[in-house]
Amino acid sequence: MRGKTRPVDTTGALLRAGRALFGERGYDGASLRAITSAAGANLGAVTYHFGSKREFYDAVLATAIAPLVQAVAMAASKQGEPLDRLEAVMRAFFDFLGANPDVVLLLLQEITSGRKPPQAVVSAFQANLKVLTGLLREGQAKRQIRAGDPLLMAFSILSQPIYFTLARRPMKVIAGLDPRYPRIRERIVEHAVAFAGRALSAGSAGR
């Protein structure tokens, strides 16, 4: 008796193909024909499953960024002082972006396009900022974290893993630092975490 044929996950195949091609070619450069071809689907599959190209693109972004929200929430919920949990959040960001550099490219394209980002992406970053500002305010209340605007501090923390992910190619060409090598990547992460910790620590205020 032959086994049953597993149903084809067309939606998942489209999302994976869209993520790869949008990251490589941008929104305008990635055609639906190329995406559906890469997904092994017919040309009308995107319209059938998602609607318009923009709605499909929004879905690609939403599914790409969702795991980061979960990773940040888990890191922030660990035991320890606020500075320790902020370090865990930074490491979670580095781990996610290191494993998914295409997500940064997708987000960079959104920023430079001038388009309003999809609500799912806005909500994801608002959730991450809420976690970070909560930890910063807790640390300030305990006098472990220096005084300052928690929201701007949160953006400064996020900028470290995002920048180092975006700058991986220039760093390799200019300075010979290739984050693909685990030792180099760990060196970058340790630097960024220590740098942020010193900047945030109440003990460093006024130095």
C-alpha atoms as a PDB file:
ATOM      1  CA  MET A   1       0.000   0.000   0.000  1.00  0.00           C
ATOM      2  CA  ARG A   2       1.401   3.311  -1.010  1.00  0.00           C
ATOM      3  CA  GLY A   3       1.710   6.077   1.549  1.00  0.00           C
ATOM      4  CA  LYS A   4      -0.458   9.119   1.277  1.00  0.00           C
ATOM      5  CA  THR A   5       1.006  12.094  -0.553  1.00  0.00           C
ATOM      6  CA  ARG A   6       1.708  14.982   1.805  1.00  0.00           C
ATOM      7  CA  PRO A   7      -0.184  18.161   0.907  1.00  0.00           C
ATOM      8  CA  VAL A   8       1.896  20.912  -0.632  1.00  0.00           C
ATOM      9  CA  ASP A   9       2.404  23.917   1.661  1.00  0.00           C
ATOM     10  CA  THR A  10       1.982  26.559  -1.017  1.00  0.00           C
ATOM     11  CA  THR A  11       1.631  29.413   1.470  1.00  0.00           C
ATOM     12  CA  GLY A  12       4.856  28.487   3.244  1.00  0.00           C
ATOM     13  CA  ALA A  13       6.705  28.017  -0.043  1.00  0.00           C
ATOM     14  CA  LEU A  14       5.577  31.456  -1.230  1.00  0.00           C
ATOM     15  CA  LEU A  15       6.639  33.116   2.022  1.00  0.00           C
ATOM     16  CA  ARG A  16      10.078  31.502   1.874  1.00  0.00           C
ATOM     17  CA  ALA A  17      10.577  32.417  -1.778  1.00  0.00           C
ATOM     18  CA  GLY A  18       9.315  35.952  -1.180  1.00  0.00           C
ATOM     19  CA  ARG A  19      11.631  36.457   1.760  1.00  0.00           C
ATOM     20  CA  ALA A  20      14.641  35.333  -0.263  1.00  0.00           C
ATOM     21  CA  LEU A  21      13.860  37.356  -3.381  1.00  0.00           C
ATOM     22  CA  PHE A  22      12.605  40.499  -1.647  1.00  0.00           C
ATOM     23  CA  GLY A  23      15.770  40.460   0.475  1.00  0.00           C
ATOM     24  CA  GLU A  24      17.950  40.033  -2.600  1.00  0.00           C
ATOM     25  CA  ARG A  25      16.174  42.309  -5.102  1.00  0.00           C
ATOM     26  CA  GLY A  26      13.961  44.608  -3.048  1.00  0.00           C
ATOM     27  CA  TYR A  27      10.219  45.095  -3.317  1.00  0.00           C
ATOM     28  CA  ASP A  28      10.227  46.564  -6.818  1.00  0.00           C
ATOM     29  CA  GLY A  29      12.917  44.250  -8.179  1.00  0.00           C
ATOM     30  CA  ALA A  30      11.287  40.984  -7.099  1.00  0.00           C
ATOM     31  CA  SER A  31       8.490  40.104  -9.520  1.00  0.00           C
ATOM     32  CA  LEU A  32       5.594  37.853  -8.605  1.00  0.00           C
ATOM     33  CA  ARG A  33       6.518  35.688 -11.569  1.00  0.00           C
ATOM     34  CA  ALA A  34       9.996  35.098 -10.143  1.00  0.00           C
ATOM     35  CA  ILE A  35       8.624  34.453  -6.645  1.00  0.00           C
ATOM     36  CA  THR A  36       5.955  31.986  -7.735  1.00  0.00           C
ATOM     37  CA  SER A  37       8.457  30.235  -9.986  1.00  0.00           C
ATOM     38  CA  ALA A  38      10.894  29.839  -7.079  1.00  0.00           C
ATOM     39  CA  ALA A  39       8.060  28.547  -4.899  1.00  0.00           C
ATOM     40  CA  GLY A  40       6.929  26.045  -7.531  1.00  0.00           C
ATOM     41  CA  ALA A  41       3.494  27.654  -7.646  1.00  0.00           C
ATOM     42  CA  ASN A  42       1.357  29.058 -10.429  1.00  0.00           C
ATOM     43  CA  LEU A  43       1.424  32.777 -11.207  1.00  0.00           C
ATOM     44  CA  GLY A  44      -1.904  33.482  -9.534  1.00  0.00           C
ATOM     45  CA  ALA A  45      -0.938  31.839  -6.231  1.00  0.00           C
ATOM     46  CA  VAL A  46       0.084  35.076  -4.515  1.00  0.00           C
ATOM     47  CA  THR A  47      -3.213  36.744  -5.387  1.00  0.00           C
ATOM     48  CA  TYR A  48      -5.163  33.684  -4.268  1.00  0.00           C
ATOM     49  CA  HIS A  49      -3.401  33.270  -0.907  1.00  0.00           C
ATOM     50  CA  PHE A  50      -2.528  36.863   0.018  1.00  0.00           C
ATOM     51  CA  GLY A  51      -4.251  39.357  -2.269  1.00  0.00           C
ATOM     52  CA  SER A  52      -2.004  42.074  -3.671  1.00  0.00           C
ATOM     53  CA  LYS A  53       1.774  42.090  -3.964  1.00  0.00           C
ATOM     54  CA  ARG A  54       1.958  44.620  -1.131  1.00  0.00           C
ATOM     55  CA  GLU A  55      -0.194  42.452   1.124  1.00  0.00           C
ATOM     56  CA  PHE A  56       2.057  39.521   0.339  1.00  0.00           C
ATOM     57  CA  TYR A  57       5.164  41.599   1.096  1.00  0.00           C
ATOM     58  CA  ASP A  58       3.656  42.668   4.412  1.00  0.00           C
ATOM     59  CA  ALA A  59       3.017  39.019   5.266  1.00  0.00           C
ATOM     60  CA  VAL A  60       6.630  38.147   4.427  1.00  0.00           C
ATOM     61  CA  LEU A  61       7.881  40.871   6.770  1.00  0.00           C
ATOM     62  CA  ALA A  62       5.477  39.891   9.535  1.00  0.00           C
ATOM     63  CA  THR A  63       6.456  36.224   9.505  1.00  0.00           C
ATOM     64  CA  ALA A  64      10.163  37.095   9.278  1.00  0.00           C
ATOM     65  CA  ILE A  65      10.138  39.377  12.315  1.00  0.00           C
ATOM     66  CA  ALA A  66       7.764  37.438  14.597  1.00  0.00           C
ATOM     67  CA  PRO A  67      10.417  35.042  16.030  1.00  0.00           C
ATOM     68  CA  LEU A  68      12.515  38.024  17.147  1.00  0.00           C
ATOM     69  CA  VAL A  69       9.705  39.269  19.396  1.00  0.00           C
ATOM     70  CA  GLN A  70       9.527  35.855  21.043  1.00  0.00           C
ATOM     71  CA  ALA A  71      13.314  35.680  21.482  1.00  0.00           C
ATOM     72  CA  VAL A  72      13.454  39.129  23.102  1.00  0.00           C
ATOM     73  CA  ALA A  73      10.569  38.358  25.460  1.00  0.00           C
ATOM     74  CA  MET A  74      12.235  35.109  26.546  1.00  0.00           C
ATOM     75  CA  ALA A  75      15.589  36.818  27.134  1.00  0.00           C
ATOM     76  CA  ALA A  76      13.987  39.597  29.166  1.00  0.00           C
ATOM     77  CA  SER A  77      12.078  37.137  31.358  1.00  0.00           C
ATOM     78  CA  LYS A  78      15.236  35.427  32.639  1.00  0.00           C
ATOM     79  CA  GLN A  79      16.312  35.743  36.247  1.00  0.00           C
ATOM     80  CA  GLY A  80      18.769  38.483  37.100  1.00  0.00           C
ATOM     81  CA  GLU A  81      19.249  42.198  37.463  1.00  0.00           C
ATOM     82  CA  PRO A  82      18.049  44.589  34.731  1.00  0.00           C
ATOM     83  CA  LEU A  83      21.540  45.025  33.248  1.00  0.00           C
ATOM     84  CA  ASP A  84      21.961  41.262  33.035  1.00  0.00           C
ATOM     85  CA  ARG A  85      18.632  40.870  31.253  1.00  0.00           C
ATOM     86  CA  LEU A  86      19.434  43.745  28.899  1.00  0.00           C
ATOM     87  CA  GLU A  87      22.617  41.888  28.001  1.00  0.00           C
ATOM     88  CA  ALA A  88      20.537  38.764  27.338  1.00  0.00           C
ATOM     89  CA  VAL A  89      18.239  40.795  25.073  1.00  0.00           C
ATOM     90  CA  MET A  90      21.189  42.145  23.098  1.00  0.00           C
ATOM     91  CA  ARG A  91      22.564  38.644  22.674  1.00  0.00           C
ATOM     92  CA  ALA A  92      19.138  37.446  21.515  1.00  0.00           C
ATOM     93  CA  PHE A  93      19.125  40.210  18.890  1.00  0.00           C
ATOM     94  CA  PHE A  94      22.611  39.294  17.712  1.00  0.00           C
ATOM     95  CA  ASP A  95      21.734  35.599  17.556  1.00  0.00           C
ATOM     96  CA  PHE A  96      18.563  36.217  15.562  1.00  0.00           C
ATOM     97  CA  LEU A  97      20.085  38.693  13.111  1.00  0.00           C
ATOM     98  CA  GLY A  98      23.199  36.559  12.711  1.00  0.00           C
ATOM     99  CA  ALA A  99      21.020  33.614  11.735  1.00  0.00           C
ATOM    100  CA  ASN A 100      18.687  35.788   9.629  1.00  0.00           C
ATOM    101  CA  PRO A 101      20.696  38.618   7.994  1.00  0.00           C
ATOM    102  CA  ASP A 102      18.070  38.873   5.271  1.00  0.00           C
ATOM    103  CA  VAL A 103      15.632  40.271   7.845  1.00  0.00           C
ATOM    104  CA  VAL A 104      17.859  43.317   8.316  1.00  0.00           C
ATOM    105  CA  LEU A 105      17.988  43.826   4.539  1.00  0.00           C
ATOM    106  CA  LEU A 106      14.195  43.640   4.367  1.00  0.00           C
ATOM    107  CA  LEU A 107      13.822  46.180   7.163  1.00  0.00           C
ATOM    108  CA  LEU A 108      16.453  48.471   5.643  1.00  0.00           C
ATOM    109  CA  GLN A 109      14.540  48.469   2.366  1.00  0.00           C
ATOM    110  CA  GLU A 110      11.413  49.448   4.255  1.00  0.00           C
ATOM    111  CA  ILE A 111      13.201  52.336   5.958  1.00  0.00           C
ATOM    112  CA  THR A 112      14.715  53.678   2.739  1.00  0.00           C
ATOM    113  CA  SER A 113      11.564  53.207   0.655  1.00  0.00           C
ATOM    114  CA  GLY A 114       9.629  55.905   2.463  1.00  0.00           C
ATOM    115  CA  ARG A 115       6.610  53.612   2.637  1.00  0.00           C
ATOM    116  CA  LYS A 116       4.662  53.177   5.839  1.00  0.00           C
ATOM    117  CA  PRO A 117       5.774  49.872   7.377  1.00  0.00           C
ATOM    118  CA  PRO A 118       3.122  47.186   7.817  1.00  0.00           C
ATOM    119  CA  GLN A 119       1.327  47.162  11.141  1.00  0.00           C
ATOM    120  CA  ALA A 120       2.783  43.761  12.038  1.00  0.00           C
ATOM    121  CA  VAL A 121       6.313  45.181  11.853  1.00  0.00           C
ATOM    122  CA  VAL A 122       5.329  48.311  13.784  1.00  0.00           C
ATOM    123  CA  SER A 123       3.728  46.171  16.481  1.00  0.00           C
ATOM    124  CA  ALA A 124       6.780  43.897  16.664  1.00  0.00           C
ATOM    125  CA  PHE A 125       9.207  46.747  17.234  1.00  0.00           C
ATOM    126  CA  GLN A 126       6.843  48.438  19.666  1.00  0.00           C
ATOM    127  CA  ALA A 127       6.764  45.187  21.644  1.00  0.00           C
ATOM    128  CA  ASN A 128      10.564  45.016  21.685  1.00  0.00           C
ATOM    129  CA  LEU A 129      10.855  48.656  22.716  1.00  0.00           C
ATOM    130  CA  LYS A 130       8.339  48.081  25.501  1.00  0.00           C
ATOM    131  CA  VAL A 131      10.464  45.239  26.856  1.00  0.00           C
ATOM    132  CA  LEU A 132      13.654  47.291  26.689  1.00  0.00           C
ATOM    133  CA  THR A 133      12.207  50.468  28.196  1.00  0.00           C
ATOM    134  CA  GLY A 134      10.670  48.384  30.986  1.00  0.00           C
ATOM    135  CA  LEU A 135      14.062  46.914  31.863  1.00  0.00           C
ATOM    136  CA  LEU A 136      15.721  50.319  31.655  1.00  0.00           C
ATOM    137  CA  ARG A 137      13.159  51.944  33.953  1.00  0.00           C
ATOM    138  CA  GLU A 138      13.501  49.070  36.416  1.00  0.00           C
ATOM    139  CA  GLY A 139      17.274  49.533  36.429  1.00  0.00           C
ATOM    140  CA  GLN A 140      16.925  53.282  36.884  1.00  0.00           C
ATOM    141  CA  ALA A 141      14.549  52.764  39.807  1.00  0.00           C
ATOM    142  CA  LYS A 142      17.158  50.521  41.418  1.00  0.00           C
ATOM    143  CA  ARG A 143      19.859  53.109  40.634  1.00  0.00           C
ATOM    144  CA  GLN A 144      21.769  50.512  38.635  1.00  0.00           C
ATOM    145  CA  ILE A 145      21.212  52.242  35.286  1.00  0.00           C
ATOM    146  CA  ARG A 146      22.106  55.848  34.726  1.00  0.00           C
ATOM    147  CA  ALA A 147      19.473  58.549  34.269  1.00  0.00           C
ATOM    148  CA  GLY A 148      18.306  59.234  30.747  1.00  0.00           C
ATOM    149  CA  ASP A 149      15.481  58.811  28.286  1.00  0.00           C
ATOM    150  CA  PRO A 150      14.601  55.078  28.335  1.00  0.00           C
ATOM    151  CA  LEU A 151      13.127  55.186  24.842  1.00  0.00           C
ATOM    152  CA  LEU A 152      16.241  56.708  23.272  1.00  0.00           C
ATOM    153  CA  MET A 153      18.414  54.346  25.299  1.00  0.00           C
ATOM    154  CA  ALA A 154      16.379  51.446  23.894  1.00  0.00           C
ATOM    155  CA  PHE A 155      16.964  52.646  20.336  1.00  0.00           C
ATOM    156  CA  SER A 156      20.688  52.922  21.069  1.00  0.00           C
ATOM    157  CA  ILE A 157      20.733  49.330  22.311  1.00  0.00           C
ATOM    158  CA  LEU A 158      18.905  48.072  19.213  1.00  0.00           C
ATOM    159  CA  SER A 159      21.212  49.994  16.900  1.00  0.00           C
ATOM    160  CA  GLN A 160      24.244  47.918  17.923  1.00  0.00           C
ATOM    161  CA  PRO A 161      23.176  44.487  16.612  1.00  0.00           C
ATOM    162  CA  ILE A 162      21.452  46.051  13.599  1.00  0.00           C
ATOM    163  CA  TYR A 163      24.488  48.101  12.602  1.00  0.00           C
ATOM    164  CA  PHE A 164      26.999  45.286  13.034  1.00  0.00           C
ATOM    165  CA  THR A 165      24.774  43.014  10.942  1.00  0.00           C
ATOM    166  CA  LEU A 166      24.450  45.598   8.166  1.00  0.00           C
ATOM    167  CA  ALA A 167      28.163  46.428   8.251  1.00  0.00           C
ATOM    168  CA  ARG A 168      29.396  42.851   8.014  1.00  0.00           C
ATOM    169  CA  ARG A 169      30.680  43.204   4.427  1.00  0.00           C
ATOM    170  CA  PRO A 170      32.419  46.585   4.894  1.00  0.00           C
ATOM    171  CA  MET A 171      33.988  45.271   8.102  1.00  0.00           C
ATOM    172  CA  LYS A 172      35.393  42.315   6.207  1.00  0.00           C
ATOM    173  CA  VAL A 173      36.785  44.426   3.346  1.00  0.00           C
ATOM    174  CA  ILE A 174      38.063  47.366   5.387  1.00  0.00           C
ATOM    175  CA  ALA A 175      39.193  45.736   8.622  1.00  0.00           C
ATOM    176  CA  GLY A 176      39.432  42.045   7.846  1.00  0.00           C
ATOM    177  CA  LEU A 177      36.710  41.242  10.390  1.00  0.00           C
ATOM    178  CA  ASP A 178      34.463  38.542   8.953  1.00  0.00           C
ATOM    179  CA  PRO A 179      31.484  37.816  11.261  1.00  0.00           C
ATOM    180  CA  ARG A 180      30.927  34.482   9.507  1.00  0.00           C
ATOM    181  CA  TYR A 181      33.767  33.109  11.637  1.00  0.00           C
ATOM    182  CA  PRO A 182      32.488  32.244  15.144  1.00  0.00           C
ATOM    183  CA  ARG A 183      35.518  33.753  16.929  1.00  0.00           C
ATOM    184  CA  ILE A 184      35.132  37.068  15.101  1.00  0.00           C
ATOM    185  CA  ARG A 185      31.398  37.116  15.682  1.00  0.00           C
ATOM    186  CA  GLU A 186      31.874  36.436  19.380  1.00  0.00           C
ATOM    187  CA  ARG A 187      34.438  39.245  19.535  1.00  0.00           C
ATOM    188  CA  ILE A 188      31.908  41.655  18.022  1.00  0.00           C
ATOM    189  CA  VAL A 189      29.095  40.557  20.310  1.00  0.00           C
ATOM    190  CA  GLU A 190      31.246  40.765  23.440  1.00  0.00           C
ATOM    191  CA  HIS A 191      32.399  44.249  22.453  1.00  0.00           C
ATOM    192  CA  ALA A 192      28.864  45.510  21.811  1.00  0.00           C
ATOM    193  CA  VAL A 193      27.502  44.030  25.034  1.00  0.00           C
ATOM    194  CA  ALA A 194      30.356  45.448  27.129  1.00  0.00           C
ATOM    195  CA  PHE A 195      30.113  48.817  25.392  1.00  0.00           C
ATOM    196  CA  ALA A 196      26.380  49.075  26.087  1.00  0.00           C
ATOM    197  CA  GLY A 197      26.812  47.879  29.663  1.00  0.00           C
ATOM    198  CA  ARG A 198      29.398  50.547  30.439  1.00  0.00           C
ATOM    199  CA  ALA A 199      27.267  53.227  28.802  1.00  0.00           C
ATOM    200  CA  LEU A 200      24.174  52.259  30.769  1.00  0.00           C
ATOM    201  CA  SER A 201      25.712  51.560  34.162  1.00  0.00           C
ATOM    202  CA  ALA A 202      24.953  54.153  36.827  1.00  0.00           C
ATOM    203  CA  GLY A 203      28.527  53.711  38.058  1.00  0.00           C
ATOM    204  CA  SER A 204      29.846  55.166  34.800  1.00  0.00           C
ATOM    205  CA  ALA A 205      27.844  58.399  34.997  1.00  0.00           C
ATOM    206  CA  GLY A 206      29.978  61.485  35.090  1.00  0.00           C
ATOM    207  CA  ARG A 207      33.140  59.721  33.898  1.00  0.00           C
END
